[in-house]
Amino acid sequence: MPPREEGRWRLLNPLNIRFSQPRIAPHFRDGHLIKDTVTEIIEAPVQDPAYAGVGSDDAAEGVPHYDAVLVPPFPAIRVISWLPKLRRPDGEAERDANGDQLLGRRAWFALDNRRLYSLQCAAAKRFPRRCCVVVRCIEDVPGGESIRELRKFRTTTEGRSVDVGVRAGECRPFSWIQAAPPGAHMGRAMEVEGLYAEDLFDALQWAPQAVKAAAMIGQQEEENERMQTTEGYPGGGGKKDIKMAPCPDNGWQYIDPSGNIQGPFPIEKMRVWHRHNFFYAELLMRSDPVDAFLPFDQLFPVGEEPFRGRVLRCRQNAKNGFPAALRHVQ
């Protein structure tokens, strides 16, 4: 898997990102259904201009005109500015009279097609509100894994739609335009935001909390994969070990300043204590005794009130009860 740090953090409307492959499975590699992931995507506001951070010198200027930032339960998708090959419905490349391959117009294409499908479904549901997501822009084609992924660019629709299914002939076509509310005007969503990273808004400036969430989940996913391959971690791998889940009614614990585990407590008691500001950012907490302890400020997704919606659940490391990817913040 390519390193999580590749590419630049930018904001992009997922409806303006194209699919690079003609077909995707209806589930992720761990069996988690894509349609379930769509319901886990939440909203966060774009940073107020008065409090926005310092922007990059090589990013768009001005104030972004997005209505919301979508925050998914998976790492930021990787996108590349690309001139697609035009292909016939059978997948063969179209050629001119001289036998040269014909190319379509430049656009942003996803290297993570199932994640893009989730984001487009979520954005289409909110249409005509204009949403954006945090992406990693890759403009210079790197070597290694990404070269192999680029060879999979086999879309026959210039990425405007994708078939969803396991086998050819048993798929259903998906296009966000059909998924949008009936009668919705498409013009506003189809505005071109820029075809290079310097034309897009800096996510670190306008959506810092969404970047933090994406980076944290990406780091944890990467660490799980490393543990699975190098340490024989049982059951390891991505969403099986780190996931967003509904807050449970019971089982909440925290580690007090003396290092003692307190609880388990019911969620109603946690809500009361939270209203009285008993919990601080570095307090180690978990929602179930089988989970690892995480700092309080990392437990809850951006945009959700603690103990009301979803919570980050992380499989416990057998050595010390902390997820390996987060040992550096303890």
Protein backbone atom coordinates (compact mmCIF):
# COMPACT_ATOMS: atom_id res chain seq x y z
CA MET A 1 0.00 0.00 0.00
CA PRO A 2 1.33 3.48 -0.82
CA PRO A 3 2.37 5.70 2.06
CA ARG A 4 -0.36 7.80 3.62
CA GLU A 5 1.69 10.97 3.36
CA GLU A 6 1.78 11.05 -0.45
CA GLY A 7 0.04 13.95 -2.15
CA ARG A 8 -1.16 17.31 -0.89
CA TRP A 9 -4.20 17.88 1.34
CA ARG A 10 -6.91 19.60 -0.68
CA LEU A 11 -10.71 20.08 -0.75
CA LEU A 12 -12.68 18.73 -3.68
CA ASN A 13 -16.33 18.10 -4.46
CA PRO A 14 -16.68 14.29 -4.70
CA LEU A 15 -19.24 14.75 -7.48
CA ASN A 16 -16.43 16.21 -9.61
CA ILE A 17 -14.16 13.19 -9.08
CA ARG A 18 -14.26 10.39 -11.67
CA PHE A 19 -14.08 6.62 -11.31
CA SER A 20 -10.94 5.08 -12.77
CA GLN A 21 -12.34 1.54 -13.04
CA PRO A 22 -15.46 0.28 -14.80
CA ARG A 23 -16.71 -1.91 -11.92
CA ILE A 24 -16.49 -2.08 -8.13
CA ALA A 25 -17.62 -4.69 -5.62
CA PRO A 26 -20.52 -3.73 -3.31
CA HIS A 27 -18.33 -4.30 -0.27
CA PHE A 28 -14.85 -3.53 0.99
CA ARG A 29 -12.14 -6.15 1.28
CA ASP A 30 -13.11 -6.92 4.86
CA GLY A 31 -16.74 -7.60 3.86
CA HIS A 32 -18.08 -4.28 5.17
CA LEU A 33 -20.91 -3.19 2.84
CA ILE A 34 -20.42 0.10 1.04
CA LYS A 35 -24.05 1.08 1.63
CA ASP A 36 -23.47 0.78 5.39
CA THR A 37 -20.42 3.02 5.14
CA VAL A 38 -22.50 5.71 3.42
CA THR A 39 -24.64 6.05 6.56
CA GLU A 40 -21.50 6.56 8.66
CA ILE A 41 -20.38 9.64 6.73
CA ILE A 42 -21.03 12.81 8.74
CA GLU A 43 -20.84 16.54 8.11
CA ALA A 44 -18.52 19.20 9.48
CA PRO A 45 -18.51 22.93 8.76
CA VAL A 46 -15.98 24.69 6.60
CA GLN A 47 -13.67 26.75 8.81
CA ASP A 48 -14.87 30.29 9.49
CA PRO A 49 -12.67 32.74 7.52
CA ALA A 50 -12.02 34.64 10.74
CA TYR A 51 -10.42 31.55 12.29
CA ALA A 52 -9.01 29.80 9.23
CA GLY A 53 -5.41 28.68 9.44
CA VAL A 54 -2.54 29.85 7.32
CA GLY A 55 -2.96 28.64 3.76
CA SER A 56 -0.42 27.12 1.43
CA ASP A 57 1.38 29.35 -1.07
CA ASP A 58 0.49 26.90 -3.85
CA ALA A 59 -3.26 26.62 -3.22
CA ALA A 60 -6.37 28.53 -4.30
CA GLU A 61 -6.96 31.97 -2.79
CA GLY A 62 -10.21 33.37 -1.46
CA VAL A 63 -12.94 31.63 0.53
CA PRO A 64 -14.36 28.24 -0.55
CA HIS A 65 -18.07 28.19 -1.38
CA TYR A 66 -18.88 24.79 0.09
CA ASP A 67 -21.88 24.16 2.32
CA ALA A 68 -20.27 21.33 4.30
CA VAL A 69 -17.28 19.03 4.59
CA LEU A 70 -18.09 15.31 4.47
CA VAL A 71 -16.11 13.27 7.00
CA PRO A 72 -15.99 9.51 6.22
CA PRO A 73 -14.92 6.63 8.50
CA PHE A 74 -11.95 5.86 6.22
CA PRO A 75 -8.76 7.67 5.16
CA ALA A 76 -8.79 10.45 2.58
CA ILE A 77 -9.10 9.18 -0.96
CA ARG A 78 -6.21 9.71 -3.35
CA VAL A 79 -6.91 11.53 -6.60
CA ILE A 80 -4.86 12.27 -9.68
CA SER A 81 -5.32 14.82 -12.46
CA TRP A 82 -5.46 12.65 -15.54
CA LEU A 83 -6.17 12.56 -19.28
CA PRO A 84 -8.25 9.37 -19.68
CA LYS A 85 -8.05 7.09 -22.66
CA LEU A 86 -11.32 6.90 -24.55
CA ARG A 87 -12.62 3.34 -24.59
CA ARG A 88 -15.44 1.55 -26.33
CA PRO A 89 -18.06 -0.33 -24.27
CA ASP A 90 -16.04 -3.53 -24.74
CA GLY A 91 -13.03 -1.87 -23.08
CA GLU A 92 -10.90 -1.52 -26.20
CA ALA A 93 -9.18 1.83 -26.69
CA GLU A 94 -10.54 4.14 -29.35
CA ARG A 95 -8.01 5.20 -32.00
CA ASP A 96 -7.77 7.83 -34.70
CA ALA A 97 -7.07 7.25 -38.38
CA ASN A 98 -3.34 6.94 -37.62
CA GLY A 99 -3.89 4.28 -34.96
CA ASP A 100 -3.09 6.58 -32.04
CA GLN A 101 -5.16 6.32 -28.88
CA LEU A 102 -7.72 9.05 -28.33
CA LEU A 103 -7.76 10.89 -25.02
CA GLY A 104 -10.63 12.54 -23.18
CA ARG A 105 -10.60 15.75 -21.18
CA ARG A 106 -8.46 16.13 -18.08
CA ALA A 107 -10.28 15.50 -14.80
CA TRP A 108 -9.66 14.30 -11.25
CA PHE A 109 -9.73 10.50 -11.01
CA ALA A 110 -9.85 8.42 -7.85
CA LEU A 111 -7.40 5.69 -6.96
CA ASP A 112 -9.87 4.49 -4.29
CA ASN A 113 -13.04 3.78 -6.24
CA ARG A 114 -15.20 2.16 -3.56
CA ARG A 115 -14.52 5.03 -1.20
CA LEU A 116 -15.41 7.48 -3.96
CA TYR A 117 -18.70 5.64 -4.47
CA SER A 118 -19.49 6.07 -0.76
CA LEU A 119 -18.69 9.78 -0.89
CA GLN A 120 -20.69 10.37 -4.06
CA CYS A 121 -23.72 8.64 -2.54
CA ALA A 122 -23.47 10.85 0.54
CA ALA A 123 -22.99 14.03 -1.51
CA ALA A 124 -25.84 13.15 -3.88
CA LYS A 125 -28.22 12.68 -0.92
CA ARG A 126 -27.41 16.24 0.19
CA PHE A 127 -27.76 17.78 -3.26
CA PRO A 128 -28.21 20.66 -4.16
CA ARG A 129 -26.09 21.57 -1.14
CA ARG A 130 -22.49 21.64 -2.31
CA CYS A 131 -20.24 19.34 -0.30
CA CYS A 132 -16.50 18.79 -0.34
CA VAL A 133 -14.16 16.14 1.02
CA VAL A 134 -10.54 16.06 2.06
CA VAL A 135 -8.41 14.40 -0.65
CA ARG A 136 -4.72 13.68 -1.28
CA CYS A 137 -3.77 15.15 -4.67
CA ILE A 138 -1.18 13.19 -6.62
CA GLU A 139 -0.10 15.08 -9.74
CA ASP A 140 3.30 13.61 -10.57
CA VAL A 141 2.77 9.94 -11.36
CA PRO A 142 4.86 8.10 -8.76
CA GLY A 143 6.45 4.72 -9.14
CA GLY A 144 5.69 1.41 -7.52
CA GLU A 145 2.14 0.72 -6.40
CA SER A 146 0.59 3.77 -8.04
CA ILE A 147 1.95 2.80 -11.46
CA ARG A 148 0.17 -0.55 -11.11
CA GLU A 149 -3.03 1.25 -10.09
CA LEU A 150 -2.86 3.54 -13.11
CA ARG A 151 -2.78 0.49 -15.34
CA LYS A 152 -6.20 -0.37 -13.94
CA PHE A 153 -7.70 2.81 -15.42
CA ARG A 154 -10.16 0.97 -17.64
CA THR A 155 -13.29 3.10 -17.39
CA THR A 156 -15.43 3.14 -20.52
CA THR A 157 -17.48 6.20 -19.45
CA GLU A 158 -14.59 8.60 -18.75
CA GLY A 159 -15.29 7.86 -15.09
CA ARG A 160 -18.76 9.43 -14.98
CA SER A 161 -20.39 6.19 -13.84
CA VAL A 162 -19.42 2.80 -12.44
CA ASP A 163 -20.99 -0.66 -12.33
CA VAL A 164 -21.58 -2.04 -8.83
CA GLY A 165 -21.43 -5.82 -8.49
CA VAL A 166 -19.16 -8.81 -8.14
CA ARG A 167 -19.49 -10.29 -11.63
CA ALA A 168 -20.08 -8.83 -15.06
CA GLY A 169 -23.70 -9.25 -16.10
CA GLU A 170 -24.88 -9.07 -12.49
CA CYS A 171 -24.10 -5.41 -11.86
CA ARG A 172 -26.16 -2.25 -11.58
CA PRO A 173 -24.86 1.03 -13.02
CA PHE A 174 -24.36 3.95 -10.67
CA SER A 175 -24.19 7.63 -11.52
CA TRP A 176 -24.58 10.27 -8.86
CA ILE A 177 -26.90 12.22 -11.17
CA GLN A 178 -29.47 9.41 -10.94
CA ALA A 179 -28.90 9.25 -7.17
CA ALA A 180 -29.62 12.98 -6.67
CA PRO A 181 -33.12 14.17 -5.74
CA PRO A 182 -35.54 14.31 -8.70
CA GLY A 183 -35.54 17.59 -10.57
CA ALA A 184 -32.28 18.80 -9.04
CA HIS A 185 -30.40 21.35 -11.14
CA MET A 186 -26.95 19.98 -11.92
CA GLY A 187 -25.12 23.11 -13.01
CA ARG A 188 -23.87 24.27 -9.61
CA ALA A 189 -22.39 20.90 -8.67
CA MET A 190 -20.66 20.48 -12.00
CA GLU A 191 -18.62 23.65 -11.69
CA VAL A 192 -14.97 22.87 -12.38
CA GLU A 193 -12.92 23.49 -9.24
CA GLY A 194 -9.51 23.31 -10.83
CA LEU A 195 -7.50 20.58 -12.48
CA TYR A 196 -4.31 20.94 -10.47
CA ALA A 197 -3.58 21.01 -6.76
CA GLU A 198 -2.66 24.70 -6.80
CA ASP A 199 -6.18 25.47 -8.11
CA LEU A 200 -7.87 23.79 -5.13
CA PHE A 201 -8.39 25.03 -1.57
CA ASP A 202 -5.93 23.96 1.12
CA ALA A 203 -7.70 21.46 3.39
CA LEU A 204 -5.29 22.21 6.23
CA GLN A 205 -6.49 25.81 6.20
CA TRP A 206 -10.24 25.33 5.70
CA ALA A 207 -10.97 21.89 7.22
CA PRO A 208 -8.21 21.16 9.78
CA GLN A 209 -10.38 18.89 11.94
CA ALA A 210 -11.43 16.80 8.94
CA VAL A 211 -7.75 16.49 7.94
CA LYS A 212 -6.91 15.40 11.48
CA ALA A 213 -9.62 12.74 11.40
CA ALA A 214 -8.50 11.45 7.98
CA ALA A 215 -4.84 11.36 9.01
CA MET A 216 -5.58 9.57 12.27
CA ILE A 217 -7.71 6.86 10.65
CA GLY A 218 -5.16 6.46 7.84
CA GLN A 219 -2.30 6.10 10.30
CA GLN A 220 -4.22 3.55 12.34
CA GLU A 221 -5.20 1.57 9.26
CA GLU A 222 -1.62 1.56 8.04
CA GLU A 223 -0.36 0.43 11.46
CA ASN A 224 -2.90 -2.39 11.55
CA GLU A 225 -1.72 -3.59 8.16
CA ARG A 226 1.90 -3.42 9.30
CA MET A 227 1.08 -5.40 12.43
CA GLN A 228 -0.76 -7.99 10.41
CA THR A 229 2.14 -8.57 8.02
CA THR A 230 5.12 -8.18 10.36
CA GLU A 231 3.87 -9.21 13.79
CA GLY A 232 1.23 -11.80 13.01
CA TYR A 233 -1.45 -9.71 14.68
CA PRO A 234 -4.54 -11.99 14.79
CA GLY A 235 -7.51 -10.73 12.87
CA GLY A 236 -5.69 -7.58 11.80
CA GLY A 237 -6.52 -5.37 8.88
CA GLY A 238 -8.24 -2.04 8.43
CA LYS A 239 -11.88 -1.71 9.38
CA LYS A 240 -11.95 -4.97 11.37
CA ASP A 241 -9.73 -3.42 14.04
CA ILE A 242 -10.50 0.28 13.84
CA LYS A 243 -14.00 1.43 13.11
CA MET A 244 -16.65 4.00 13.87
CA ALA A 245 -19.62 2.47 15.70
CA PRO A 246 -22.74 3.68 17.53
CA CYS A 247 -22.08 4.68 21.14
CA PRO A 248 -22.96 1.69 23.39
CA ASP A 249 -25.35 2.13 26.33
CA ASN A 250 -22.93 0.61 28.84
CA GLY A 251 -19.27 -0.34 29.24
CA TRP A 252 -17.58 3.10 29.34
CA GLN A 253 -14.28 3.31 31.20
CA TYR A 254 -11.52 5.86 31.70
CA ILE A 255 -8.09 5.99 33.37
CA ASP A 256 -7.91 8.50 36.21
CA PRO A 257 -4.84 10.68 36.95
CA SER A 258 -3.56 8.00 39.35
CA GLY A 259 -3.50 5.43 36.56
CA ASN A 260 -6.52 3.45 37.80
CA ILE A 261 -9.25 2.21 35.47
CA GLN A 262 -12.65 3.56 36.48
CA GLY A 263 -15.93 1.96 35.39
CA PRO A 264 -17.64 0.52 33.49
CA PHE A 265 -20.31 3.23 33.51
CA PRO A 266 -23.59 3.69 31.62
CA ILE A 267 -23.69 6.27 28.86
CA GLU A 268 -26.20 8.45 30.73
CA LYS A 269 -23.68 9.01 33.51
CA MET A 270 -20.99 9.85 30.95
CA ARG A 271 -23.30 12.46 29.39
CA VAL A 272 -23.86 14.10 32.76
CA TRP A 273 -20.14 14.25 33.53
CA HIS A 274 -19.43 15.60 30.03
CA ARG A 275 -21.98 18.40 30.52
CA HIS A 276 -20.08 19.36 33.68
CA ASN A 277 -16.76 19.39 31.76
CA PHE A 278 -15.22 16.57 33.79
CA PHE A 279 -13.42 15.14 30.76
CA TYR A 280 -10.31 16.72 29.22
CA ALA A 281 -8.67 16.12 25.84
CA GLU A 282 -5.86 13.81 27.04
CA LEU A 283 -8.05 11.64 29.29
CA LEU A 284 -7.78 8.00 28.18
CA MET A 285 -11.19 6.44 27.63
CA ARG A 286 -12.92 3.56 25.88
CA SER A 287 -16.52 2.57 25.23
CA ASP A 288 -16.08 -1.16 25.81
CA PRO A 289 -13.67 -3.15 28.04
CA VAL A 290 -12.49 -5.13 25.00
CA ASP A 291 -11.27 -1.96 23.25
CA ALA A 292 -8.04 0.00 23.57
CA PHE A 293 -7.97 3.26 25.51
CA LEU A 294 -7.79 6.40 23.35
CA PRO A 295 -7.47 10.09 24.25
CA PHE A 296 -10.91 11.63 24.76
CA ASP A 297 -10.44 14.14 21.91
CA GLN A 298 -9.88 11.29 19.43
CA LEU A 299 -12.86 9.13 20.36
CA PHE A 300 -15.63 11.05 18.64
CA PRO A 301 -15.95 12.00 14.94
CA VAL A 302 -15.84 15.60 13.85
CA GLY A 303 -19.26 17.23 14.03
CA GLU A 304 -20.84 14.83 16.56
CA GLU A 305 -21.54 15.54 20.22
CA PRO A 306 -19.72 13.10 22.53
CA PHE A 307 -21.83 10.20 23.81
CA ARG A 308 -24.64 10.98 21.34
CA GLY A 309 -23.70 9.47 17.99
CA ARG A 310 -20.69 7.40 16.99
CA VAL A 311 -17.45 6.57 18.74
CA LEU A 312 -14.07 5.37 17.45
CA ARG A 313 -13.45 1.78 18.53
CA CYS A 314 -9.96 0.33 18.30
CA ARG A 315 -8.89 -3.24 18.93
CA GLN A 316 -6.68 -3.63 21.96
CA ASN A 317 -2.97 -4.39 21.63
CA ALA A 318 -2.17 -7.46 23.73
CA LYS A 319 1.02 -5.96 25.16
CA ASN A 320 -0.26 -2.82 26.86
CA GLY A 321 -3.88 -2.14 26.08
CA PHE A 322 -3.08 0.77 23.73
CA PRO A 323 -3.29 0.75 19.91
CA ALA A 324 0.23 0.72 18.54
CA ALA A 325 -0.51 3.60 16.15
CA LEU A 326 -1.35 5.89 19.07
CA ARG A 327 1.44 5.06 21.54
CA HIS A 328 3.20 8.29 20.63
CA VAL A 329 0.34 10.40 22.01
CA GLN A 330 0.11 8.64 25.37
